[in-house]
Amino acid sequence: FEFVHLSGAWLKERQIKATPLTQGTFRVGSLKGASGH
């Protein structure tokens, strides 16, 4: 598997990123009070 997520920044939202899985943990999220840019 590749872990696919939509990441970026203000003015550059939801760029497709893909990270091959290896043993361990990969996480994305938001602590901004909103789902976030």
PDB file of all heavy atoms in Angstrom:
ATOM      1  N   PHE A   1       0.813  -1.204   0.000  1.00  0.00           N
ATOM      2  CA  PHE A   1       0.000   0.000   0.000  1.00  0.00           C
ATOM      3  C   PHE A   1       0.855   1.267   0.000  1.00  0.00           C
ATOM      4  O   PHE A   1       1.931   1.323   0.613  1.00  0.00           O
ATOM      5  CB  PHE A   1      -0.894   0.046   1.247  1.00  0.00           C
ATOM      6  CG  PHE A   1      -2.126  -0.797   1.164  1.00  0.00           C
ATOM      7  CD1 PHE A   1      -2.459  -1.654   2.207  1.00  0.00           C
ATOM      8  CD2 PHE A   1      -2.975  -0.726   0.065  1.00  0.00           C
ATOM      9  CE1 PHE A   1      -3.612  -2.420   2.165  1.00  0.00           C
ATOM     10  CE2 PHE A   1      -4.124  -1.495   0.009  1.00  0.00           C
ATOM     11  CZ  PHE A   1      -4.445  -2.345   1.058  1.00  0.00           C
ATOM     12  N   GLU A   2       0.304   2.279  -0.663  1.00  0.00           N
ATOM     13  CA  GLU A   2       0.742   3.650  -0.487  1.00  0.00           C
ATOM     14  C   GLU A   2      -0.363   4.389   0.259  1.00  0.00           C
ATOM     15  O   GLU A   2      -1.547   4.210  -0.052  1.00  0.00           O
ATOM     16  CB  GLU A   2       1.011   4.322  -1.831  1.00  0.00           C
ATOM     17  CG  GLU A   2       2.147   3.703  -2.605  1.00  0.00           C
ATOM     18  CD  GLU A   2       2.306   4.310  -3.987  1.00  0.00           C
ATOM     19  OE1 GLU A   2       1.391   5.040  -4.420  1.00  0.00           O
ATOM     20  OE2 GLU A   2       3.322   4.043  -4.634  1.00  0.00           O
ATOM     21  N   PHE A   3       0.034   5.184   1.235  1.00  0.00           N
ATOM     22  CA  PHE A   3      -0.928   6.007   1.963  1.00  0.00           C
ATOM     23  C   PHE A   3      -1.103   7.302   1.179  1.00  0.00           C
ATOM     24  O   PHE A   3      -0.175   8.097   1.041  1.00  0.00           O
ATOM     25  CB  PHE A   3      -0.409   6.283   3.372  1.00  0.00           C
ATOM     26  CG  PHE A   3      -1.360   7.088   4.228  1.00  0.00           C
ATOM     27  CD1 PHE A   3      -2.611   6.600   4.551  1.00  0.00           C
ATOM     28  CD2 PHE A   3      -0.998   8.330   4.727  1.00  0.00           C
ATOM     29  CE1 PHE A   3      -3.480   7.317   5.355  1.00  0.00           C
ATOM     30  CE2 PHE A   3      -1.860   9.063   5.541  1.00  0.00           C
ATOM     31  CZ  PHE A   3      -3.105   8.553   5.847  1.00  0.00           C
ATOM     32  N   VAL A   4      -2.305   7.487   0.650  1.00  0.00           N
ATOM     33  CA  VAL A   4      -2.599   8.643  -0.195  1.00  0.00           C
ATOM     34  C   VAL A   4      -3.332   9.678   0.650  1.00  0.00           C
ATOM     35  O   VAL A   4      -4.320   9.354   1.323  1.00  0.00           O
ATOM     36  CB  VAL A   4      -3.452   8.239  -1.416  1.00  0.00           C
ATOM     37  CG1 VAL A   4      -3.788   9.460  -2.266  1.00  0.00           C
ATOM     38  CG2 VAL A   4      -2.725   7.190  -2.253  1.00  0.00           C
ATOM     39  N   HIS A   5      -2.855  10.909   0.621  1.00  0.00           N
ATOM     40  CA  HIS A   5      -3.520  11.972   1.374  1.00  0.00           C
ATOM     41  C   HIS A   5      -3.496  13.256   0.552  1.00  0.00           C
ATOM     42  O   HIS A   5      -2.687  13.422  -0.372  1.00  0.00           O
ATOM     43  CB  HIS A   5      -2.867  12.183   2.746  1.00  0.00           C
ATOM     44  CG  HIS A   5      -1.377  12.376   2.712  1.00  0.00           C
ATOM     45  ND1 HIS A   5      -0.774  13.595   2.917  1.00  0.00           N
ATOM     46  CD2 HIS A   5      -0.368  11.498   2.496  1.00  0.00           C
ATOM     47  CE1 HIS A   5       0.537  13.468   2.829  1.00  0.00           C
ATOM     48  NE2 HIS A   5       0.809  12.200   2.578  1.00  0.00           N
ATOM     49  N   LEU A   6      -4.402  14.164   0.875  1.00  0.00           N
ATOM     50  CA  LEU A   6      -4.544  15.433   0.161  1.00  0.00           C
ATOM     51  C   LEU A   6      -3.992  16.529   1.065  1.00  0.00           C
ATOM     52  O   LEU A   6      -4.663  16.964   1.997  1.00  0.00           O
ATOM     53  CB  LEU A   6      -6.008  15.691  -0.180  1.00  0.00           C
ATOM     54  CG  LEU A   6      -6.727  14.584  -0.960  1.00  0.00           C
ATOM     55  CD1 LEU A   6      -8.174  14.974  -1.228  1.00  0.00           C
ATOM     56  CD2 LEU A   6      -6.004  14.269  -2.264  1.00  0.00           C
ATOM     57  N   SER A   7      -2.777  16.951   0.792  1.00  0.00           N
ATOM     58  CA  SER A   7      -2.094  17.892   1.672  1.00  0.00           C
ATOM     59  C   SER A   7      -1.603  19.096   0.885  1.00  0.00           C
ATOM     60  O   SER A   7      -1.549  19.073  -0.340  1.00  0.00           O
ATOM     61  CB  SER A   7      -0.921  17.203   2.377  1.00  0.00           C
ATOM     62  OG  SER A   7      -1.386  16.121   3.171  1.00  0.00           O
ATOM     63  N   GLY A   8      -1.265  20.161   1.590  1.00  0.00           N
ATOM     64  CA  GLY A   8      -0.792  21.359   0.922  1.00  0.00           C
ATOM     65  C   GLY A   8      -0.733  22.537   1.862  1.00  0.00           C
ATOM     66  O   GLY A   8      -0.229  22.439   2.980  1.00  0.00           O
ATOM     67  N   ALA A   9      -1.274  23.664   1.423  1.00  0.00           N
ATOM     68  CA  ALA A   9      -1.200  24.902   2.198  1.00  0.00           C
ATOM     69  C   ALA A   9      -2.260  25.863   1.655  1.00  0.00           C
ATOM     70  O   ALA A   9      -2.914  25.578   0.650  1.00  0.00           O
ATOM     71  CB  ALA A   9       0.189  25.527   2.077  1.00  0.00           C
ATOM     72  N   TRP A  10      -2.431  26.993   2.338  1.00  0.00           N
ATOM     73  CA  TRP A  10      -3.304  28.034   1.799  1.00  0.00           C
ATOM     74  C   TRP A  10      -2.802  28.410   0.408  1.00  0.00           C
ATOM     75  O   TRP A  10      -1.607  28.555   0.180  1.00  0.00           O
ATOM     76  CB  TRP A  10      -3.276  29.254   2.731  1.00  0.00           C
ATOM     77  CG  TRP A  10      -4.092  30.408   2.228  1.00  0.00           C
ATOM     78  CD1 TRP A  10      -5.437  30.438   2.022  1.00  0.00           C
ATOM     79  CD2 TRP A  10      -3.603  31.712   1.873  1.00  0.00           C
ATOM     80  NE1 TRP A  10      -5.823  31.670   1.553  1.00  0.00           N
ATOM     81  CE2 TRP A  10      -4.722  32.479   1.458  1.00  0.00           C
ATOM     82  CE3 TRP A  10      -2.340  32.305   1.866  1.00  0.00           C
ATOM     83  CZ2 TRP A  10      -4.606  33.808   1.030  1.00  0.00           C
ATOM     84  CZ3 TRP A  10      -2.226  33.625   1.456  1.00  0.00           C
ATOM     85  CH2 TRP A  10      -3.344  34.354   1.046  1.00  0.00           C
ATOM     86  N   LEU A  11      -3.705  28.539  -0.536  1.00  0.00           N
ATOM     87  CA  LEU A  11      -3.458  28.787  -1.962  1.00  0.00           C
ATOM     88  C   LEU A  11      -2.955  27.553  -2.704  1.00  0.00           C
ATOM     89  O   LEU A  11      -2.776  27.604  -3.922  1.00  0.00           O
ATOM     90  CB  LEU A  11      -2.469  29.937  -2.192  1.00  0.00           C
ATOM     91  CG  LEU A  11      -2.833  31.310  -1.642  1.00  0.00           C
ATOM     92  CD1 LEU A  11      -1.760  32.331  -2.017  1.00  0.00           C
ATOM     93  CD2 LEU A  11      -4.188  31.774  -2.160  1.00  0.00           C
ATOM     94  N   LYS A  12      -2.743  26.449  -1.991  1.00  0.00           N
ATOM     95  CA  LYS A  12      -2.202  25.247  -2.637  1.00  0.00           C
ATOM     96  C   LYS A  12      -2.785  24.010  -1.964  1.00  0.00           C
ATOM     97  O   LYS A  12      -2.068  23.100  -1.557  1.00  0.00           O
ATOM     98  CB  LYS A  12      -0.678  25.259  -2.537  1.00  0.00           C
ATOM     99  CG  LYS A  12       0.051  24.479  -3.611  1.00  0.00           C
ATOM    100  CD  LYS A  12       1.547  24.676  -3.485  1.00  0.00           C
ATOM    101  CE  LYS A  12       2.291  23.996  -4.626  1.00  0.00           C
ATOM    102  NZ  LYS A  12       2.030  24.618  -5.917  1.00  0.00           N
ATOM    103  N   GLU A  13      -4.101  23.998  -1.856  1.00  0.00           N
ATOM    104  CA  GLU A  13      -4.771  22.958  -1.084  1.00  0.00           C
ATOM    105  C   GLU A  13      -4.891  21.640  -1.860  1.00  0.00           C
ATOM    106  O   GLU A  13      -4.902  21.614  -3.088  1.00  0.00           O
ATOM    107  CB  GLU A  13      -6.179  23.422  -0.683  1.00  0.00           C
ATOM    108  CG  GLU A  13      -6.215  24.608   0.264  1.00  0.00           C
ATOM    109  CD  GLU A  13      -6.225  25.964  -0.412  1.00  0.00           C
ATOM    110  OE1 GLU A  13      -5.936  26.038  -1.630  1.00  0.00           O
ATOM    111  OE2 GLU A  13      -6.517  26.957   0.268  1.00  0.00           O
ATOM    112  N   ARG A  14      -4.986  20.561  -1.091  1.00  0.00           N
ATOM    113  CA  ARG A  14      -5.362  19.223  -1.558  1.00  0.00           C
ATOM    114  C   ARG A  14      -4.547  18.742  -2.770  1.00  0.00           C
ATOM    115  O   ARG A  14      -5.083  18.314  -3.777  1.00  0.00           O
ATOM    116  CB  ARG A  14      -6.878  19.159  -1.828  1.00  0.00           C
ATOM    117  CG  ARG A  14      -7.681  19.256  -0.542  1.00  0.00           C
ATOM    118  CD  ARG A  14      -9.172  19.337  -0.780  1.00  0.00           C
ATOM    119  NE  ARG A  14      -9.540  20.434  -1.654  1.00  0.00           N
ATOM    120  CZ  ARG A  14      -9.533  21.726  -1.312  1.00  0.00           C
ATOM    121  NH1 ARG A  14      -9.172  22.088  -0.106  1.00  0.00           N
ATOM    122  NH2 ARG A  14      -9.875  22.654  -2.175  1.00  0.00           N
ATOM    123  N   GLN A  15      -3.222  18.794  -2.599  1.00  0.00           N
ATOM    124  CA  GLN A  15      -2.308  18.192  -3.570  1.00  0.00           C
ATOM    125  C   GLN A  15      -2.183  16.705  -3.234  1.00  0.00           C
ATOM    126  O   GLN A  15      -2.048  16.329  -2.075  1.00  0.00           O
ATOM    127  CB  GLN A  15      -0.936  18.856  -3.485  1.00  0.00           C
ATOM    128  CG  GLN A  15      -0.973  20.380  -3.510  1.00  0.00           C
ATOM    129  CD  GLN A  15      -1.323  20.945  -4.864  1.00  0.00           C
ATOM    130  OE1 GLN A  15      -0.650  20.670  -5.862  1.00  0.00           O
ATOM    131  NE2 GLN A  15      -2.381  21.741  -4.925  1.00  0.00           N
ATOM    132  N   ILE A  16      -2.225  15.860  -4.234  1.00  0.00           N
ATOM    133  CA  ILE A  16      -2.171  14.415  -3.992  1.00  0.00           C
ATOM    134  C   ILE A  16      -0.750  14.010  -3.608  1.00  0.00           C
ATOM    135  O   ILE A  16       0.203  14.231  -4.356  1.00  0.00           O
ATOM    136  CB  ILE A  16      -2.641  13.631  -5.224  1.00  0.00           C
ATOM    137  CG1 ILE A  16      -4.105  13.958  -5.546  1.00  0.00           C
ATOM    138  CG2 ILE A  16      -2.471  12.121  -4.997  1.00  0.00           C
ATOM    139  CD1 ILE A  16      -4.630  13.298  -6.796  1.00  0.00           C
ATOM    140  N   LYS A  17      -0.619  13.418  -2.418  1.00  0.00           N
ATOM    141  CA  LYS A  17       0.663  12.900  -1.940  1.00  0.00           C
ATOM    142  C   LYS A  17       0.494  11.398  -1.680  1.00  0.00           C
ATOM    143  O   LYS A  17      -0.555  10.961  -1.192  1.00  0.00           O
ATOM    144  CB  LYS A  17       1.067  13.599  -0.640  1.00  0.00           C
ATOM    145  CG  LYS A  17       1.008  15.133  -0.685  1.00  0.00           C
ATOM    146  CD  LYS A  17       2.111  15.748  -1.509  1.00  0.00           C
ATOM    147  CE  LYS A  17       1.993  17.264  -1.585  1.00  0.00           C
ATOM    148  NZ  LYS A  17       2.139  17.929  -0.284  1.00  0.00           N
ATOM    149  N   ALA A  18       1.523  10.625  -1.970  1.00  0.00           N
ATOM    150  CA  ALA A  18       1.474   9.178  -1.753  1.00  0.00           C
ATOM    151  C   ALA A  18       2.754   8.732  -1.067  1.00  0.00           C
ATOM    152  O   ALA A  18       3.859   9.007  -1.555  1.00  0.00           O
ATOM    153  CB  ALA A  18       1.280   8.439  -3.071  1.00  0.00           C
ATOM    154  N   THR A  19       2.620   8.036   0.066  1.00  0.00           N
ATOM    155  CA  THR A  19       3.757   7.592   0.871  1.00  0.00           C
ATOM    156  C   THR A  19       3.710   6.076   1.018  1.00  0.00           C
ATOM    157  O   THR A  19       2.744   5.540   1.578  1.00  0.00           O
ATOM    158  CB  THR A  19       3.705   8.240   2.269  1.00  0.00           C
ATOM    159  OG1 THR A  19       3.664   9.661   2.135  1.00  0.00           O
ATOM    160  CG2 THR A  19       4.908   7.827   3.095  1.00  0.00           C
ATOM    161  N   PRO A  20       4.714   5.334   0.519  1.00  0.00           N
ATOM    162  CA  PRO A  20       4.711   3.875   0.695  1.00  0.00           C
ATOM    163  C   PRO A  20       4.737   3.512   2.182  1.00  0.00           C
ATOM    164  O   PRO A  20       5.448   4.134   2.975  1.00  0.00           O
ATOM    165  CB  PRO A  20       5.995   3.435  -0.012  1.00  0.00           C
ATOM    166  CG  PRO A  20       6.332   4.558  -0.944  1.00  0.00           C
ATOM    167  CD  PRO A  20       5.860   5.809  -0.261  1.00  0.00           C
ATOM    168  N   LEU A  21       3.958   2.499   2.548  1.00  0.00           N
ATOM    169  CA  LEU A  21       3.909   2.070   3.949  1.00  0.00           C
ATOM    170  C   LEU A  21       5.130   1.236   4.305  1.00  0.00           C
ATOM    171  O   LEU A  21       5.600   0.403   3.524  1.00  0.00           O
ATOM    172  CB  LEU A  21       2.652   1.248   4.214  1.00  0.00           C
ATOM    173  CG  LEU A  21       1.304   1.966   4.131  1.00  0.00           C
ATOM    174  CD1 LEU A  21       0.207   1.040   4.647  1.00  0.00           C
ATOM    175  CD2 LEU A  21       1.304   3.265   4.910  1.00  0.00           C
ATOM    176  N   THR A  22       5.627   1.477   5.501  1.00  0.00           N
ATOM    177  CA  THR A  22       6.617   0.607   6.111  1.00  0.00           C
ATOM    178  C   THR A  22       6.164   0.371   7.549  1.00  0.00           C
ATOM    179  O   THR A  22       5.184   0.962   8.009  1.00  0.00           O
ATOM    180  CB  THR A  22       8.019   1.250   6.120  1.00  0.00           C
ATOM    181  OG1 THR A  22       7.950   2.482   6.851  1.00  0.00           O
ATOM    182  CG2 THR A  22       8.510   1.536   4.714  1.00  0.00           C
ATOM    183  N   GLN A  23       6.864  -0.505   8.263  1.00  0.00           N
ATOM    184  CA  GLN A  23       6.506  -0.750   9.652  1.00  0.00           C
ATOM    185  C   GLN A  23       6.605   0.557  10.433  1.00  0.00           C
ATOM    186  O   GLN A  23       7.606   1.268  10.381  1.00  0.00           O
ATOM    187  CB  GLN A  23       7.422  -1.798  10.262  1.00  0.00           C
ATOM    188  CG  GLN A  23       7.032  -2.181  11.684  1.00  0.00           C
ATOM    189  CD  GLN A  23       7.899  -3.294  12.230  1.00  0.00           C
ATOM    190  OE1 GLN A  23       8.570  -3.989  11.482  1.00  0.00           O
ATOM    191  NE2 GLN A  23       7.898  -3.463  13.549  1.00  0.00           N
ATOM    192  N   GLY A  24       5.527   0.893  11.143  1.00  0.00           N
ATOM    193  CA  GLY A  24       5.466   2.142  11.881  1.00  0.00           C
ATOM    194  C   GLY A  24       4.144   2.841  11.627  1.00  0.00           C
ATOM    195  O   GLY A  24       3.194   2.240  11.114  1.00  0.00           O
ATOM    196  N   THR A  25       4.080   4.117  11.981  1.00  0.00           N
ATOM    197  CA  THR A  25       2.828   4.874  11.914  1.00  0.00           C
ATOM    198  C   THR A  25       3.026   6.147  11.107  1.00  0.00           C
ATOM    199  O   THR A  25       4.024   6.854  11.287  1.00  0.00           O
ATOM    200  CB  THR A  25       2.342   5.240  13.323  1.00  0.00           C
ATOM    201  OG1 THR A  25       2.170   4.045  14.092  1.00  0.00           O
ATOM    202  CG2 THR A  25       1.021   5.990  13.279  1.00  0.00           C
ATOM    203  N   PHE A  26       2.072   6.409  10.211  1.00  0.00           N
ATOM    204  CA  PHE A  26       2.049   7.666   9.459  1.00  0.00           C
ATOM    205  C   PHE A  26       0.702   8.321   9.722  1.00  0.00           C
ATOM    206  O   PHE A  26      -0.333   7.663   9.648  1.00  0.00           O
ATOM    207  CB  PHE A  26       2.222   7.402   7.963  1.00  0.00           C
ATOM    208  CG  PHE A  26       2.407   8.653   7.145  1.00  0.00           C
ATOM    209  CD1 PHE A  26       3.673   9.150   6.874  1.00  0.00           C
ATOM    210  CD2 PHE A  26       1.317   9.354   6.652  1.00  0.00           C
ATOM    211  CE1 PHE A  26       3.846  10.304   6.133  1.00  0.00           C
ATOM    212  CE2 PHE A  26       1.476  10.516   5.923  1.00  0.00           C
ATOM    213  CZ  PHE A  26       2.751  10.994   5.653  1.00  0.00           C
ATOM    214  N   ARG A  27       0.728   9.640  10.007  1.00  0.00           N
ATOM    215  CA  ARG A  27      -0.522  10.307  10.348  1.00  0.00           C
ATOM    216  C   ARG A  27      -0.568  11.704   9.750  1.00  0.00           C
ATOM    217  O   ARG A  27       0.452  12.364   9.576  1.00  0.00           O
ATOM    218  CB  ARG A  27      -0.694  10.384  11.868  1.00  0.00           C
ATOM    219  CG  ARG A  27       0.492  11.000  12.594  1.00  0.00           C
ATOM    220  CD  ARG A  27       0.218  11.288  14.070  1.00  0.00           C
ATOM    221  NE  ARG A  27      -0.368  10.172  14.793  1.00  0.00           N
ATOM    222  CZ  ARG A  27      -0.767  10.256  16.060  1.00  0.00           C
ATOM    223  NH1 ARG A  27      -0.639  11.409  16.728  1.00  0.00           N
ATOM    224  NH2 ARG A  27      -1.286   9.226  16.678  1.00  0.00           N
ATOM    225  N   VAL A  28      -1.809  12.149   9.442  1.00  0.00           N
ATOM    226  CA  VAL A  28      -2.074  13.531   9.056  1.00  0.00           C
ATOM    227  C   VAL A  28      -3.271  13.987   9.879  1.00  0.00           C
ATOM    228  O   VAL A  28      -4.072  13.176  10.353  1.00  0.00           O
ATOM    229  CB  VAL A  28      -2.367  13.683   7.547  1.00  0.00           C
ATOM    230  CG1 VAL A  28      -1.159  13.302   6.707  1.00  0.00           C
ATOM    231  CG2 VAL A  28      -3.591  12.862   7.132  1.00  0.00           C
ATOM    232  N   GLY A  29      -3.402  15.306  10.051  1.00  0.00           N
ATOM    233  CA  GLY A  29      -4.526  15.789  10.837  1.00  0.00           C
ATOM    234  C   GLY A  29      -4.517  17.291  10.941  1.00  0.00           C
ATOM    235  O   GLY A  29      -3.739  17.982  10.278  1.00  0.00           O
ATOM    236  N   SER A  30      -5.382  17.806  11.790  1.00  0.00           N
ATOM    237  CA  SER A  30      -5.499  19.242  11.993  1.00  0.00           C
ATOM    238  C   SER A  30      -5.808  19.524  13.455  1.00  0.00           C
ATOM    239  O   SER A  30      -6.604  18.817  14.075  1.00  0.00           O
ATOM    240  CB  SER A  30      -6.608  19.830  11.116  1.00  0.00           C
ATOM    241  OG  SER A  30      -6.797  21.208  11.400  1.00  0.00           O
ATOM    242  N   LEU A  31      -5.188  20.586  13.968  1.00  0.00           N
ATOM    243  CA  LEU A  31      -5.472  21.089  15.314  1.00  0.00           C
ATOM    244  C   LEU A  31      -5.836  22.568  15.247  1.00  0.00           C
ATOM    245  O   LEU A  31      -5.628  23.308  16.209  1.00  0.00           O
ATOM    246  CB  LEU A  31      -4.261  20.873  16.225  1.00  0.00           C
ATOM    247  CG  LEU A  31      -3.986  19.423  16.635  1.00  0.00           C
ATOM    248  CD1 LEU A  31      -2.625  19.291  17.291  1.00  0.00           C
ATOM    249  CD2 LEU A  31      -5.085  18.927  17.579  1.00  0.00           C
ATOM    250  N   LYS A  32      -6.404  22.998  14.112  1.00  0.00           N
ATOM    251  CA  LYS A  32      -6.683  24.413  13.876  1.00  0.00           C
ATOM    252  C   LYS A  32      -8.123  24.802  14.204  1.00  0.00           C
ATOM    253  O   LYS A  32      -8.522  25.933  14.006  1.00  0.00           O
ATOM    254  CB  LYS A  32      -6.374  24.747  12.419  1.00  0.00           C
ATOM    255  CG  LYS A  32      -4.950  24.404  12.004  1.00  0.00           C
ATOM    256  CD  LYS A  32      -4.705  24.620  10.529  1.00  0.00           C
ATOM    257  CE  LYS A  32      -4.584  26.090  10.216  1.00  0.00           C
ATOM    258  NZ  LYS A  32      -4.204  26.307   8.801  1.00  0.00           N
ATOM    259  N   GLY A  33      -8.907  23.837  14.683  1.00  0.00           N
ATOM    260  CA  GLY A  33     -10.329  24.093  14.902  1.00  0.00           C
ATOM    261  C   GLY A  33     -11.148  23.904  13.649  1.00  0.00           C
ATOM    262  O   GLY A  33     -12.370  24.022  13.668  1.00  0.00           O
ATOM    263  N   ALA A  34     -10.498  23.601  12.542  1.00  0.00           N
ATOM    264  CA  ALA A  34     -11.136  23.320  11.255  1.00  0.00           C
ATOM    265  C   ALA A  34     -10.342  22.206  10.590  1.00  0.00           C
ATOM    266  O   ALA A  34      -9.198  21.923  10.974  1.00  0.00           O
ATOM    267  CB  ALA A  34     -11.144  24.571  10.372  1.00  0.00           C
ATOM    268  N   SER A  35     -10.931  21.579   9.579  1.00  0.00           N
ATOM    269  CA  SER A  35     -10.212  20.491   8.922  1.00  0.00           C
ATOM    270  C   SER A  35      -8.929  20.979   8.266  1.00  0.00           C
ATOM    271  O   SER A  35      -7.956  20.240   8.182  1.00  0.00           O
ATOM    272  CB  SER A  35     -11.123  19.774   7.921  1.00  0.00           C
ATOM    273  OG  SER A  35     -11.809  20.680   7.081  1.00  0.00           O
ATOM    274  N   GLY A  36      -8.889  22.241   7.799  1.00  0.00           N
ATOM    275  CA  GLY A  36      -7.617  22.874   7.491  1.00  0.00           C
ATOM    276  C   GLY A  36      -7.165  22.832   6.049  1.00  0.00           C
ATOM    277  O   GLY A  36      -7.558  21.979   5.262  1.00  0.00           O
ATOM    278  N   HIS A  37      -6.283  23.803   5.712  1.00  0.00           N
ATOM    279  CA  HIS A  37      -5.664  23.866   4.387  1.00  0.00           C
ATOM    280  C   HIS A  37      -4.559  22.821   4.230  1.00  0.00           C
ATOM    281  O   HIS A  37      -4.280  22.372   3.119  1.00  0.00           O
ATOM    282  CB  HIS A  37      -5.038  25.248   4.153  1.00  0.00           C
ATOM    283  CG  HIS A  37      -5.993  26.392   4.194  1.00  0.00           C
ATOM    284  ND1 HIS A  37      -6.408  26.968   5.372  1.00  0.00           N
ATOM    285  CD2 HIS A  37      -6.624  27.078   3.206  1.00  0.00           C
ATOM    286  CE1 HIS A  37      -7.241  27.971   5.100  1.00  0.00           C
ATOM    287  NE2 HIS A  37      -7.393  28.050   3.799  1.00  0.00           N
TER     288      HIS A  37
END
